[in-house]
């Protein structure tokens, strides 16, 4: 018979957070599924969680660049042209 290892600090923290979130999510079945999936990804698929985080940062960065260029790119050109005409 082997003795299981003592729960790590990570496992204790996840268990405490799960108790807190269960109070909020007890009436919402979809949120329960989401919390279960999140816990599974974090505990068993650490590389996948890191990959999702990195991909989110990269996609968000490029989306921000594209939106800023589309929203403000042509407006700056008009301001520069109007300033040069005034001088």
Protein backbone atom coordinates (compact mmCIF):
# COMPACT_ATOMS: atom_id res chain seq x y z
CA UNK A 1 0.00 0.00 0.00
CA UNK A 2 1.37 3.36 -1.01
CA UNK A 3 0.51 6.60 0.69
CA UNK A 4 -0.67 9.35 -1.68
CA UNK A 5 1.40 12.53 -1.67
CA UNK A 6 0.30 15.59 0.28
CA UNK A 7 -1.76 18.01 -1.86
CA UNK A 8 0.38 20.73 -3.34
CA UNK A 9 -0.18 24.44 -2.73
CA UNK A 10 -1.65 24.66 -6.22
CA UNK A 11 -4.18 21.91 -5.53
CA UNK A 12 -5.20 23.54 -2.25
CA UNK A 13 -5.66 26.90 -3.95
CA UNK A 14 -7.74 25.40 -6.76
CA UNK A 15 -9.93 23.58 -4.24
CA UNK A 16 -10.54 26.79 -2.27
CA UNK A 17 -11.32 28.77 -5.42
CA UNK A 18 -13.63 26.01 -6.63
CA UNK A 19 -15.62 26.23 -3.37
CA UNK A 20 -16.00 30.01 -3.80
CA UNK A 21 -17.05 29.76 -7.44
CA UNK A 22 -19.50 26.94 -6.74
CA UNK A 23 -21.52 29.36 -4.60
CA UNK A 24 -21.86 31.71 -7.57
CA UNK A 25 -22.38 29.01 -10.18
CA UNK A 26 -24.76 26.66 -8.34
CA UNK A 27 -27.77 27.89 -10.35
CA UNK A 28 -26.01 28.16 -13.71
CA UNK A 29 -25.37 24.80 -15.38
CA UNK A 30 -23.30 26.27 -18.22
CA UNK A 31 -20.97 27.97 -15.76
CA UNK A 32 -20.53 24.67 -13.93
CA UNK A 33 -19.41 23.04 -17.17
CA UNK A 34 -17.04 25.91 -17.87
CA UNK A 35 -15.49 25.68 -14.40
CA UNK A 36 -15.05 21.93 -14.74
CA UNK A 37 -13.36 22.31 -18.13
CA UNK A 38 -11.14 25.11 -16.84
CA UNK A 39 -10.05 23.05 -13.86
CA UNK A 40 -9.30 20.06 -16.12
CA UNK A 41 -7.21 22.15 -18.51
CA UNK A 42 -5.26 23.78 -15.71
CA UNK A 43 -4.60 20.61 -13.74
CA UNK A 44 -3.89 18.08 -16.50
CA UNK A 45 -3.04 20.07 -19.58
CA UNK A 46 -0.67 22.73 -18.31
CA UNK A 47 1.04 23.11 -21.68
CA UNK A 48 -2.33 23.58 -23.36
CA UNK A 49 -3.28 26.28 -20.86
CA UNK A 50 0.00 28.10 -21.46
CA UNK A 51 -0.49 27.75 -25.21
CA UNK A 52 -4.01 29.17 -25.01
CA UNK A 53 -2.75 32.11 -22.98
CA UNK A 54 0.07 32.86 -25.43
CA UNK A 55 -2.24 32.53 -28.43
CA UNK A 56 -4.76 34.87 -26.79
CA UNK A 57 -2.07 37.48 -26.20
CA UNK A 58 -0.78 37.23 -29.78
CA UNK A 59 -4.23 37.38 -31.37
CA UNK A 60 -5.27 40.25 -29.11
CA UNK A 61 -2.11 42.20 -29.94
CA UNK A 62 -2.56 41.87 -33.68
CA UNK A 63 -6.28 42.55 -33.50
CA UNK A 64 -5.52 45.73 -31.56
CA UNK A 65 -2.96 46.80 -34.17
CA UNK A 66 -5.39 46.18 -37.04
CA UNK A 67 -8.27 47.99 -35.34
CA UNK A 68 -6.09 50.97 -34.44
CA UNK A 69 -4.78 51.23 -38.00
CA UNK A 70 -8.27 51.01 -39.45
CA UNK A 71 -9.77 53.46 -36.98
CA UNK A 72 -7.00 56.04 -36.68
CA UNK A 73 -4.67 55.51 -39.63
CA UNK A 74 -6.47 57.71 -42.18
CA UNK A 75 -7.51 60.31 -39.60
CA UNK A 76 -3.89 61.14 -38.84
CA UNK A 77 -3.11 61.71 -42.51
CA UNK A 78 -5.93 64.26 -42.80
CA UNK A 79 -4.69 66.16 -39.74
CA UNK A 80 -1.13 66.28 -41.09
CA UNK A 81 -2.32 67.52 -44.50
CA UNK A 82 -4.53 70.22 -43.00
CA UNK A 83 -1.68 71.48 -40.76
CA UNK A 84 0.71 71.72 -43.71
CA UNK A 85 -1.85 73.68 -45.77
CA UNK A 86 -2.32 76.21 -42.95
CA UNK A 87 1.42 76.91 -42.80
